[in-house]
Amino acid sequence: MTLAVPLAGSLSACNKGQPDTKFAHVKPGDMPVGGEWTGVYYSQTYGYLHLVKEGDTISGKWRTTAGDAWGEMSGKVTGDLYKYEWTEHKIGMVGPSATSKGRGYFRYTEPKEGEAHVIKGEWGLGQDETGQSWEAVKQQNMRPDPDSVIPDEVERRGVGGGWDEGQQPAGGGEDSGGGEGSGGGEPEAPLE
């Protein structure tokens, strides 16, 4: 999803005052035999998408293959059709351009009997449900762990900062040679 974001500003500028929302004209069908929404799906662009179905809702999270962004989605499912709203966060960025939002849909498919199941759909920016395609293959023997895609504290920090982390106080710490059993000598006088 990160690749389309630079176009978002230029496209919206062309439609000033004219809401041209793009809707997905798709209708739900039956779920393939043996199909189950809960799982982990892989896309070469969007990485691993972890989906969890509870009742008629699905929530999920992903992290791009490049590792530069992670996102979350949630929405309603009817049969083989999942319509969702999504939010993507750029790792290491702050401000308005650090987050993108939109809508989309997936259709659950089984290309051929016995082959891995695939979700196919589209996502759009803002209120749009279409615009960019997203296809992912369901992974066998992988349990969804949505929180595994969220960056750790080091990645969230972004560029800069941390200049004094790991510094030992002057005259102290493990390698300072001081402390109990280190040998004689008078204790140092406090600085005035």
Protein backbone atom coordinates (compact mmCIF):
# COMPACT_ATOMS: atom_id res chain seq x y z
CA MET A 1 0.00 0.00 0.00
CA THR A 2 2.88 2.35 0.61
CA LEU A 3 3.60 2.76 -3.11
CA ALA A 4 0.26 4.44 -3.89
CA VAL A 5 0.34 7.02 -1.11
CA PRO A 6 2.35 9.68 -3.02
CA LEU A 7 -0.40 9.74 -5.64
CA ALA A 8 -3.13 10.32 -3.07
CA GLY A 9 -2.58 14.06 -2.75
CA SER A 10 -2.39 14.68 -6.48
CA LEU A 11 -5.52 12.63 -7.20
CA SER A 12 -7.61 14.32 -4.54
CA ALA A 13 -6.57 17.74 -5.82
CA CYS A 14 -8.18 16.93 -9.19
CA ASN A 15 -11.58 16.24 -7.58
CA LYS A 16 -12.01 19.33 -5.42
CA GLY A 17 -15.54 19.38 -4.09
CA GLN A 18 -16.61 16.39 -6.20
CA PRO A 19 -16.99 13.19 -4.23
CA ASP A 20 -16.10 10.45 -6.72
CA THR A 21 -15.98 7.56 -4.29
CA LYS A 22 -15.09 4.25 -5.93
CA PHE A 23 -17.22 1.38 -4.65
CA ALA A 24 -16.53 -2.32 -5.10
CA HIS A 25 -19.48 -3.79 -6.96
CA VAL A 26 -19.12 -7.30 -5.55
CA LYS A 27 -21.70 -9.63 -4.04
CA PRO A 28 -21.04 -12.37 -1.51
CA GLY A 29 -21.07 -16.00 -2.54
CA ASP A 30 -20.66 -19.31 -0.78
CA MET A 31 -17.43 -20.08 1.01
CA PRO A 32 -15.40 -22.84 -0.73
CA VAL A 33 -15.71 -26.25 0.95
CA GLY A 34 -13.12 -26.43 3.73
CA GLY A 35 -12.45 -22.70 3.51
CA GLU A 36 -11.73 -20.76 6.69
CA TRP A 37 -10.97 -17.03 6.90
CA THR A 38 -8.81 -17.28 10.03
CA GLY A 39 -5.22 -17.78 8.93
CA VAL A 40 -2.03 -16.22 7.62
CA TYR A 41 -1.83 -15.06 4.00
CA TYR A 42 1.29 -14.05 2.06
CA SER A 43 1.72 -11.43 -0.64
CA GLN A 44 5.08 -10.47 -2.20
CA THR A 45 4.24 -6.78 -1.72
CA TYR A 46 2.25 -6.65 1.50
CA GLY A 47 3.98 -9.47 3.38
CA TYR A 48 2.18 -11.66 5.90
CA LEU A 49 -1.44 -10.76 6.64
CA HIS A 50 -2.78 -12.29 9.85
CA LEU A 51 -6.60 -12.60 9.86
CA VAL A 52 -8.81 -13.68 12.76
CA LYS A 53 -12.55 -14.27 12.31
CA GLU A 54 -14.93 -13.96 15.25
CA GLY A 55 -18.61 -14.25 14.40
CA ASP A 56 -19.29 -12.10 11.34
CA THR A 57 -16.27 -9.82 11.87
CA ILE A 58 -12.65 -10.21 10.85
CA SER A 59 -9.70 -8.27 12.15
CA GLY A 60 -6.20 -8.45 10.82
CA LYS A 61 -2.74 -6.94 10.73
CA TRP A 62 0.11 -7.01 8.24
CA ARG A 63 3.64 -5.76 7.74
CA THR A 64 4.97 -4.97 4.28
CA THR A 65 7.67 -7.21 2.85
CA ALA A 66 10.02 -4.20 2.76
CA GLY A 67 9.40 -3.76 6.50
CA ASP A 68 8.72 -0.03 6.13
CA ALA A 69 5.06 -0.09 7.19
CA TRP A 70 2.50 -2.11 9.13
CA GLY A 71 -1.25 -1.97 9.06
CA GLU A 72 -4.47 -3.08 10.62
CA MET A 73 -7.91 -3.83 9.23
CA SER A 74 -11.33 -4.81 10.45
CA GLY A 75 -14.72 -5.35 8.90
CA LYS A 76 -17.66 -7.64 8.22
CA VAL A 77 -17.66 -10.93 6.38
CA THR A 78 -20.52 -12.56 4.49
CA GLY A 79 -19.72 -15.93 2.94
CA ASP A 80 -16.69 -15.55 0.70
CA LEU A 81 -16.65 -11.72 0.86
CA TYR A 82 -14.84 -9.61 3.46
CA LYS A 83 -15.27 -5.80 3.36
CA TYR A 84 -12.94 -3.85 5.63
CA GLU A 85 -11.51 -0.51 6.67
CA TRP A 86 -7.73 -0.28 7.00
CA THR A 87 -5.05 1.95 8.51
CA GLU A 88 -1.37 1.74 7.59
CA HIS A 89 1.47 3.22 9.67
CA LYS A 90 4.86 4.11 8.17
CA ILE A 91 7.62 2.98 10.51
CA GLY A 92 9.89 5.81 11.67
CA MET A 93 7.63 8.62 10.40
CA VAL A 94 5.56 11.14 12.33
CA GLY A 95 2.96 13.66 11.25
CA PRO A 96 0.00 13.47 8.88
CA SER A 97 1.83 11.52 6.16
CA ALA A 98 2.81 8.77 8.62
CA THR A 99 -0.66 7.20 8.47
CA SER A 100 -2.88 6.26 5.53
CA LYS A 101 -6.48 5.05 5.71
CA GLY A 102 -8.95 3.51 3.37
CA ARG A 103 -11.31 0.66 2.58
CA GLY A 104 -11.19 -2.55 0.64
CA TYR A 105 -12.48 -6.06 0.12
CA PHE A 106 -11.26 -9.62 -0.29
CA ARG A 107 -12.94 -12.60 -1.91
CA TYR A 108 -11.92 -16.02 -0.55
CA THR A 109 -11.16 -18.48 -3.37
CA GLU A 110 -9.86 -21.97 -4.00
CA PRO A 111 -8.25 -21.80 -7.47
CA LYS A 112 -8.36 -25.58 -8.00
CA GLU A 113 -9.36 -28.38 -5.69
CA GLY A 114 -6.45 -29.30 -3.45
CA GLU A 115 -4.49 -26.09 -4.14
CA ALA A 116 -3.73 -23.45 -1.55
CA HIS A 117 -6.61 -21.06 -0.94
CA VAL A 118 -6.20 -17.46 -2.10
CA ILE A 119 -7.79 -14.16 -1.16
CA LYS A 120 -8.17 -11.65 -3.99
CA GLY A 121 -9.38 -8.10 -3.72
CA GLU A 122 -8.70 -4.42 -3.90
CA TRP A 123 -8.06 -1.52 -1.57
CA GLY A 124 -8.56 2.20 -1.96
CA LEU A 125 -7.58 5.37 -0.15
CA GLY A 126 -10.05 7.37 1.94
CA GLN A 127 -13.62 6.30 1.20
CA ASP A 128 -12.64 4.38 -1.94
CA GLU A 129 -12.99 0.59 -1.84
CA THR A 130 -11.02 0.00 -5.04
CA GLY A 131 -7.91 1.24 -6.77
CA GLN A 132 -5.07 -1.20 -6.06
CA SER A 133 -5.16 -4.99 -6.19
CA TRP A 134 -4.13 -7.24 -3.31
CA GLU A 135 -3.81 -10.99 -3.69
CA ALA A 136 -2.40 -13.31 -1.04
CA VAL A 137 -1.94 -17.07 -0.65
CA LYS A 138 -3.06 -18.81 2.54
CA GLN A 139 -0.11 -20.37 4.36
CA GLN A 140 -0.35 -23.93 5.62
CA ASN A 141 0.51 -24.70 9.24
CA MET A 142 0.83 -21.05 10.32
CA ARG A 143 -1.33 -19.72 13.13
CA PRO A 144 -2.26 -16.05 13.01
CA ASP A 145 -0.41 -13.81 15.47
CA PRO A 146 -1.57 -10.31 14.51
CA ASP A 147 0.56 -8.51 17.10
CA SER A 148 3.75 -10.04 15.68
CA VAL A 149 3.76 -7.46 12.87
CA ILE A 150 3.79 -4.43 15.19
CA PRO A 151 7.25 -2.85 15.36
CA ASP A 152 9.23 -3.04 18.56
CA GLU A 153 10.24 0.10 20.47
CA VAL A 154 13.51 0.52 18.54
CA GLU A 155 11.70 0.62 15.19
CA ARG A 156 8.96 2.97 16.45
CA ARG A 157 11.50 5.55 17.56
CA GLY A 158 12.42 6.60 14.06
CA VAL A 159 15.54 8.51 13.13
CA GLY A 160 17.50 10.35 15.79
CA GLY A 161 17.27 10.17 19.54
CA GLY A 162 18.84 7.57 21.73
CA TRP A 163 22.18 9.41 21.79
CA ASP A 164 22.65 8.83 25.50
CA GLU A 165 21.27 5.30 25.76
CA GLY A 166 23.66 2.73 27.11
CA GLN A 167 26.04 5.35 28.51
CA GLN A 168 27.54 4.57 31.89
CA PRO A 169 27.83 7.41 34.39
CA ALA A 170 31.35 8.84 34.67
CA GLY A 171 33.40 6.90 37.20
CA GLY A 172 30.84 4.07 37.52
CA GLY A 173 29.59 1.05 35.73
CA GLU A 174 31.00 -2.38 35.13
CA ASP A 175 34.28 -1.41 33.47
CA SER A 176 35.26 1.52 35.69
CA GLY A 177 37.50 -0.53 37.96
CA GLY A 178 35.76 0.72 41.10
CA GLY A 179 33.53 -1.05 43.56
CA GLU A 180 33.96 -3.62 46.28
CA GLY A 181 37.04 -5.78 46.20
CA SER A 182 38.72 -3.69 43.54
CA GLY A 183 41.78 -2.86 45.57
CA GLY A 184 42.77 -0.22 48.05
CA GLY A 185 42.84 3.47 47.80
CA GLU A 186 40.94 6.27 49.32
CA PRO A 187 37.38 6.94 48.15
CA GLU A 188 37.14 9.86 45.76
CA ALA A 189 36.08 13.18 47.21
CA PRO A 190 32.80 14.59 45.91
CA LEU A 191 33.03 17.35 43.30
CA GLU A 192 32.39 20.84 44.55
